Amino acid sequence: MRFLHVLQAVDAGPRPAEASVLRSVVDAVDGGEGQWAPYEGALVGGTAVLFPRDLGTPVDRVRYVVPTAPATGAITYLVTGLVPGAGYAVAFENVGEERRVTVTAGGAEVVADEAGVVRF
């Protein structure tokens, strides 16, 4: 059993941002190419954070789905558990009310920091 706790500090009056669970997805058309890693995380306000379910599992690609138009507008994405210093490509695809985000090893768009986190 896993637990993900989201804590928010807000002043009296404003409501905390709603939190939504995020899970990685693999489409049937993607087949078995590469190593798809199961990820889970949360979207809180305008920030999406994803964590690998199993630390140390090699990751070639991660795909997850977020709403195309959250109430807060733009989303900042943080994907953890990647290879420190490695480059990754990021692709976005809007499908109806959802945005599919795919992070693929070997790209040059974002580079994981020394903790294995990319932010975009």
N, C-alpha and C. Protein backbone atom coordinates (compact mmCIF):
# COMPACT_ATOMS: atom_id res chain seq x y z
N MET A 1 0.83 -1.17 0.00
CA MET A 1 0.00 0.00 0.00
C MET A 1 0.89 1.24 0.00
N ARG A 2 0.53 2.23 -0.82
CA ARG A 2 1.29 3.47 -0.91
C ARG A 2 0.42 4.63 -0.47
N PHE A 3 1.09 5.64 0.07
CA PHE A 3 0.41 6.86 0.44
C PHE A 3 1.19 8.03 -0.11
N LEU A 4 0.49 9.00 -0.65
CA LEU A 4 1.10 10.25 -1.07
C LEU A 4 0.34 11.36 -0.36
N HIS A 5 1.03 12.07 0.47
CA HIS A 5 0.41 13.16 1.22
C HIS A 5 0.77 14.48 0.58
N VAL A 6 -0.22 15.34 0.41
CA VAL A 6 -0.02 16.67 -0.14
C VAL A 6 -0.37 17.67 0.95
N LEU A 7 0.61 18.49 1.32
CA LEU A 7 0.39 19.52 2.33
C LEU A 7 0.49 20.88 1.68
N GLN A 8 -0.44 21.77 2.02
CA GLN A 8 -0.42 23.13 1.50
C GLN A 8 -0.58 24.10 2.64
N ALA A 9 0.20 25.14 2.60
CA ALA A 9 0.06 26.22 3.59
C ALA A 9 -0.64 27.38 2.90
N VAL A 10 -1.78 27.80 3.44
CA VAL A 10 -2.51 28.93 2.88
C VAL A 10 -2.93 29.85 4.01
N ASP A 11 -3.08 31.12 3.68
CA ASP A 11 -3.58 32.09 4.65
C ASP A 11 -5.05 31.82 4.93
N ALA A 12 -5.55 32.39 6.01
CA ALA A 12 -6.97 32.25 6.33
C ALA A 12 -7.79 32.85 5.20
N GLY A 13 -8.82 32.17 4.80
CA GLY A 13 -9.69 32.68 3.74
C GLY A 13 -9.58 31.90 2.45
N PRO A 14 -8.43 31.91 1.78
CA PRO A 14 -8.36 31.19 0.50
C PRO A 14 -8.48 29.68 0.71
N ARG A 15 -9.11 29.04 -0.26
CA ARG A 15 -9.20 27.59 -0.22
C ARG A 15 -7.92 26.98 -0.78
N PRO A 16 -7.47 25.88 -0.21
CA PRO A 16 -6.31 25.19 -0.79
C PRO A 16 -6.64 24.71 -2.21
N ALA A 17 -5.62 24.60 -3.05
CA ALA A 17 -5.82 24.08 -4.40
C ALA A 17 -6.22 22.62 -4.32
N GLU A 18 -7.06 22.19 -5.26
CA GLU A 18 -7.46 20.79 -5.29
C GLU A 18 -6.31 19.93 -5.78
N ALA A 19 -6.24 18.73 -5.27
CA ALA A 19 -5.21 17.78 -5.67
C ALA A 19 -5.85 16.65 -6.46
N SER A 20 -5.16 16.22 -7.52
CA SER A 20 -5.61 15.10 -8.35
C SER A 20 -4.49 14.08 -8.43
N VAL A 21 -4.85 12.82 -8.42
CA VAL A 21 -3.86 11.75 -8.55
C VAL A 21 -3.46 11.62 -10.01
N LEU A 22 -2.17 11.42 -10.26
CA LEU A 22 -1.65 11.18 -11.60
C LEU A 22 -1.01 9.79 -11.63
N ARG A 23 -1.21 9.08 -12.72
CA ARG A 23 -0.56 7.77 -12.90
C ARG A 23 -0.07 7.69 -14.34
N SER A 24 1.06 7.03 -14.54
CA SER A 24 1.58 6.88 -15.89
C SER A 24 0.66 5.94 -16.67
N VAL A 25 0.68 6.11 -17.99
CA VAL A 25 -0.14 5.29 -18.88
C VAL A 25 0.72 4.76 -20.01
N VAL A 26 0.34 3.60 -20.55
CA VAL A 26 0.99 3.02 -21.73
C VAL A 26 -0.11 2.67 -22.69
N ASP A 27 -0.04 3.21 -23.90
CA ASP A 27 -1.03 2.90 -24.92
C ASP A 27 -0.70 1.58 -25.59
N ALA A 28 -1.72 0.90 -26.08
CA ALA A 28 -1.51 -0.37 -26.77
C ALA A 28 -0.62 -0.18 -27.99
N VAL A 29 -0.71 0.97 -28.66
CA VAL A 29 0.10 1.20 -29.86
C VAL A 29 1.58 1.38 -29.53
N ASP A 30 1.88 1.67 -28.27
CA ASP A 30 3.27 1.86 -27.89
C ASP A 30 4.01 0.54 -27.76
N GLY A 31 3.27 -0.54 -27.65
CA GLY A 31 3.89 -1.86 -27.57
C GLY A 31 4.90 -1.96 -26.45
N GLY A 32 5.85 -2.83 -26.64
CA GLY A 32 6.84 -3.09 -25.60
C GLY A 32 8.17 -2.42 -25.86
N GLU A 33 8.22 -1.46 -26.79
CA GLU A 33 9.49 -0.81 -27.09
C GLU A 33 9.97 0.02 -25.92
N GLY A 34 11.23 -0.17 -25.55
CA GLY A 34 11.79 0.61 -24.45
C GLY A 34 11.25 0.14 -23.11
N GLN A 35 11.72 0.77 -22.08
CA GLN A 35 11.31 0.43 -20.72
C GLN A 35 10.34 1.49 -20.21
N TRP A 36 9.05 1.14 -20.15
CA TRP A 36 8.03 2.04 -19.62
C TRP A 36 7.97 1.82 -18.13
N ALA A 37 8.16 2.86 -17.37
CA ALA A 37 8.17 2.73 -15.91
C ALA A 37 6.86 3.22 -15.33
N PRO A 38 6.33 2.48 -14.35
CA PRO A 38 5.11 2.97 -13.69
C PRO A 38 5.44 4.14 -12.76
N TYR A 39 4.73 5.23 -12.96
CA TYR A 39 4.91 6.44 -12.15
C TYR A 39 3.58 6.82 -11.52
N GLU A 40 3.64 7.48 -10.38
CA GLU A 40 2.46 8.01 -9.72
C GLU A 40 2.82 9.37 -9.15
N GLY A 41 1.83 10.20 -8.96
CA GLY A 41 2.09 11.51 -8.39
C GLY A 41 0.83 12.29 -8.19
N ALA A 42 0.96 13.61 -8.20
CA ALA A 42 -0.19 14.47 -7.94
C ALA A 42 -0.08 15.75 -8.75
N LEU A 43 -1.25 16.27 -9.10
CA LEU A 43 -1.37 17.60 -9.68
C LEU A 43 -2.05 18.45 -8.63
N VAL A 44 -1.35 19.48 -8.16
CA VAL A 44 -1.89 20.38 -7.15
C VAL A 44 -1.77 21.79 -7.70
N GLY A 45 -2.93 22.42 -7.91
CA GLY A 45 -2.89 23.75 -8.50
C GLY A 45 -2.21 23.68 -9.85
N GLY A 46 -1.14 24.42 -10.02
CA GLY A 46 -0.41 24.44 -11.28
C GLY A 46 0.88 23.64 -11.25
N THR A 47 1.01 22.66 -10.36
CA THR A 47 2.23 21.87 -10.28
C THR A 47 1.91 20.38 -10.31
N ALA A 48 2.55 19.67 -11.26
CA ALA A 48 2.42 18.22 -11.35
C ALA A 48 3.76 17.60 -10.98
N VAL A 49 3.75 16.66 -10.03
CA VAL A 49 4.97 15.99 -9.59
C VAL A 49 4.75 14.48 -9.72
N LEU A 50 5.69 13.80 -10.39
CA LEU A 50 5.58 12.36 -10.56
C LEU A 50 6.80 11.66 -9.98
N PHE A 51 6.54 10.50 -9.36
CA PHE A 51 7.57 9.70 -8.71
C PHE A 51 7.50 8.28 -9.27
N PRO A 52 8.65 7.61 -9.41
CA PRO A 52 8.59 6.21 -9.85
C PRO A 52 8.01 5.33 -8.74
N ARG A 53 7.24 4.34 -9.14
CA ARG A 53 6.70 3.40 -8.14
C ARG A 53 7.81 2.56 -7.55
N ASP A 54 8.82 2.23 -8.37
CA ASP A 54 9.93 1.41 -7.91
C ASP A 54 11.24 2.13 -8.18
N LEU A 55 11.87 2.65 -7.14
CA LEU A 55 13.14 3.35 -7.31
C LEU A 55 14.18 2.41 -7.92
N GLY A 56 15.00 2.96 -8.79
CA GLY A 56 16.07 2.18 -9.39
C GLY A 56 15.68 1.43 -10.65
N THR A 57 14.40 1.47 -11.02
CA THR A 57 13.95 0.83 -12.26
C THR A 57 14.40 1.68 -13.43
N PRO A 58 15.06 1.07 -14.45
CA PRO A 58 15.49 1.86 -15.61
C PRO A 58 14.28 2.49 -16.30
N VAL A 59 14.45 3.73 -16.76
CA VAL A 59 13.36 4.47 -17.38
C VAL A 59 13.78 4.96 -18.76
N ASP A 60 13.08 4.50 -19.79
CA ASP A 60 13.28 5.03 -21.13
C ASP A 60 12.22 6.08 -21.45
N ARG A 61 10.97 5.80 -21.00
CA ARG A 61 9.86 6.71 -21.28
C ARG A 61 8.86 6.70 -20.13
N VAL A 62 8.28 7.87 -19.93
CA VAL A 62 7.19 8.03 -18.97
C VAL A 62 6.10 8.83 -19.66
N ARG A 63 4.87 8.35 -19.61
CA ARG A 63 3.75 9.11 -20.16
C ARG A 63 2.67 9.20 -19.09
N TYR A 64 2.11 10.39 -18.95
CA TYR A 64 1.02 10.61 -18.01
C TYR A 64 0.06 11.62 -18.60
N VAL A 65 -1.11 11.73 -17.99
CA VAL A 65 -2.18 12.58 -18.52
C VAL A 65 -2.59 13.59 -17.47
N VAL A 66 -2.73 14.86 -17.91
CA VAL A 66 -3.21 15.94 -17.04
C VAL A 66 -4.34 16.65 -17.79
N PRO A 67 -5.16 17.44 -17.10
CA PRO A 67 -6.19 18.22 -17.80
C PRO A 67 -5.55 19.24 -18.75
N THR A 68 -6.21 19.52 -19.88
CA THR A 68 -5.65 20.51 -20.82
C THR A 68 -5.77 21.92 -20.28
N ALA A 69 -6.76 22.18 -19.47
CA ALA A 69 -6.96 23.55 -18.99
C ALA A 69 -7.26 23.56 -17.49
N PRO A 70 -6.23 23.40 -16.65
CA PRO A 70 -6.50 23.47 -15.22
C PRO A 70 -6.93 24.88 -14.83
N ALA A 71 -7.60 24.98 -13.71
CA ALA A 71 -8.11 26.28 -13.25
C ALA A 71 -6.99 27.29 -13.06
N THR A 72 -5.78 26.83 -12.78
CA THR A 72 -4.66 27.73 -12.51
C THR A 72 -3.93 28.17 -13.77
N GLY A 73 -4.29 27.62 -14.93
CA GLY A 73 -3.61 27.99 -16.15
C GLY A 73 -2.45 27.05 -16.45
N ALA A 74 -1.25 27.58 -16.60
CA ALA A 74 -0.07 26.78 -16.96
C ALA A 74 0.29 25.80 -15.85
N ILE A 75 0.92 24.70 -16.26
CA ILE A 75 1.36 23.67 -15.31
C ILE A 75 2.87 23.59 -15.35
N THR A 76 3.48 23.51 -14.16
CA THR A 76 4.90 23.21 -14.04
C THR A 76 5.00 21.71 -13.75
N TYR A 77 5.84 21.02 -14.51
CA TYR A 77 5.99 19.58 -14.38
C TYR A 77 7.33 19.24 -13.73
N LEU A 78 7.31 18.31 -12.78
CA LEU A 78 8.53 17.77 -12.19
C LEU A 78 8.43 16.25 -12.25
N VAL A 79 9.40 15.62 -12.91
CA VAL A 79 9.44 14.17 -13.02
C VAL A 79 10.73 13.72 -12.33
N THR A 80 10.58 12.84 -11.35
CA THR A 80 11.72 12.39 -10.53
C THR A 80 12.13 10.97 -10.93
N GLY A 81 13.22 10.49 -10.33
CA GLY A 81 13.65 9.11 -10.54
C GLY A 81 14.35 8.86 -11.85
N LEU A 82 14.86 9.92 -12.49
CA LEU A 82 15.56 9.78 -13.76
C LEU A 82 17.07 9.73 -13.53
N VAL A 83 17.82 9.52 -14.59
CA VAL A 83 19.27 9.44 -14.50
C VAL A 83 19.86 10.84 -14.35
N PRO A 84 20.59 11.12 -13.27
CA PRO A 84 21.19 12.44 -13.10
C PRO A 84 22.09 12.81 -14.28
N GLY A 85 21.91 14.02 -14.81
CA GLY A 85 22.73 14.51 -15.90
C GLY A 85 22.30 14.04 -17.28
N ALA A 86 21.31 13.15 -17.37
CA ALA A 86 20.87 12.64 -18.67
C ALA A 86 19.88 13.60 -19.31
N GLY A 87 19.86 13.61 -20.65
CA GLY A 87 18.94 14.45 -21.39
C GLY A 87 17.65 13.71 -21.71
N TYR A 88 16.56 14.46 -21.80
CA TYR A 88 15.24 13.90 -22.07
C TYR A 88 14.48 14.79 -23.04
N ALA A 89 13.72 14.17 -23.93
CA ALA A 89 12.80 14.88 -24.82
C ALA A 89 11.44 14.92 -24.14
N VAL A 90 10.70 15.98 -24.38
CA VAL A 90 9.36 16.14 -23.81
C VAL A 90 8.39 16.40 -24.96
N ALA A 91 7.29 15.65 -24.99
CA ALA A 91 6.27 15.83 -26.03
C ALA A 91 4.92 16.00 -25.36
N PHE A 92 4.11 16.89 -25.93
CA PHE A 92 2.75 17.15 -25.45
C PHE A 92 1.77 16.82 -26.56
N GLU A 93 0.66 16.20 -26.20
CA GLU A 93 -0.40 15.91 -27.16
C GLU A 93 -1.74 16.16 -26.48
N ASN A 94 -2.51 17.10 -27.02
CA ASN A 94 -3.84 17.38 -26.48
C ASN A 94 -4.85 16.44 -27.13
N VAL A 95 -5.60 15.74 -26.28
CA VAL A 95 -6.63 14.81 -26.75
C VAL A 95 -7.89 15.12 -25.96
N GLY A 96 -8.81 15.85 -26.58
CA GLY A 96 -10.04 16.25 -25.88
C GLY A 96 -9.71 17.14 -24.70
N GLU A 97 -10.17 16.75 -23.53
CA GLU A 97 -9.95 17.52 -22.30
C GLU A 97 -8.66 17.14 -21.59
N GLU A 98 -7.86 16.28 -22.23
CA GLU A 98 -6.62 15.80 -21.59
C GLU A 98 -5.39 16.21 -22.38
N ARG A 99 -4.29 16.33 -21.67
CA ARG A 99 -2.99 16.56 -22.29
C ARG A 99 -2.09 15.39 -21.91
N ARG A 100 -1.58 14.69 -22.92
CA ARG A 100 -0.64 13.60 -22.68
C ARG A 100 0.76 14.17 -22.70
N VAL A 101 1.51 13.86 -21.68
CA VAL A 101 2.89 14.33 -21.56
C VAL A 101 3.79 13.10 -21.62
N THR A 102 4.74 13.09 -22.56
CA THR A 102 5.66 11.97 -22.69
C THR A 102 7.08 12.47 -22.51
N VAL A 103 7.82 11.85 -21.61
CA VAL A 103 9.22 12.18 -21.35
C VAL A 103 10.03 10.97 -21.81
N THR A 104 10.97 11.21 -22.75
CA THR A 104 11.73 10.12 -23.37
C THR A 104 13.23 10.35 -23.18
N ALA A 105 13.93 9.32 -22.74
CA ALA A 105 15.39 9.40 -22.55
C ALA A 105 16.07 9.64 -23.89
N GLY A 106 17.21 10.37 -23.83
CA GLY A 106 18.02 10.58 -25.01
C GLY A 106 17.79 11.90 -25.72
N GLY A 107 16.85 12.69 -25.26
CA GLY A 107 16.59 13.98 -25.88
C GLY A 107 17.49 15.05 -25.31
N ALA A 108 17.30 16.27 -25.80
CA ALA A 108 18.13 17.38 -25.33
C ALA A 108 17.29 18.54 -24.81
N GLU A 109 15.98 18.38 -24.72
CA GLU A 109 15.12 19.48 -24.29
C GLU A 109 15.30 19.83 -22.82
N VAL A 110 15.39 18.80 -21.98
CA VAL A 110 15.59 19.02 -20.55
C VAL A 110 16.67 18.05 -20.08
N VAL A 111 17.40 18.46 -19.06
CA VAL A 111 18.46 17.63 -18.48
C VAL A 111 18.13 17.42 -17.00
N ALA A 112 18.21 16.16 -16.58
CA ALA A 112 17.93 15.85 -15.17
C ALA A 112 19.02 16.44 -14.30
N ASP A 113 18.62 17.01 -13.16
CA ASP A 113 19.60 17.58 -12.23
C ASP A 113 20.31 16.46 -11.48
N GLU A 114 21.17 16.83 -10.51
CA GLU A 114 21.97 15.84 -9.79
C GLU A 114 21.13 14.89 -8.96
N ALA A 115 19.84 15.21 -8.75
CA ALA A 115 18.94 14.32 -8.02
C ALA A 115 18.08 13.48 -8.96
N GLY A 116 18.27 13.63 -10.28
CA GLY A 116 17.49 12.88 -11.25
C GLY A 116 16.10 13.44 -11.48
N VAL A 117 15.95 14.78 -11.37
CA VAL A 117 14.67 15.45 -11.55
C VAL A 117 14.73 16.37 -12.76
N VAL A 118 13.70 16.31 -13.60
CA VAL A 118 13.56 17.29 -14.66
C VAL A 118 12.37 18.19 -14.34
N ARG A 119 12.51 19.44 -14.73
CA ARG A 119 11.45 20.43 -14.51
C ARG A 119 11.23 21.16 -15.82
N PHE A 120 9.98 21.25 -16.22
CA PHE A 120 9.64 21.94 -17.46
C PHE A 120 8.25 22.52 -17.37
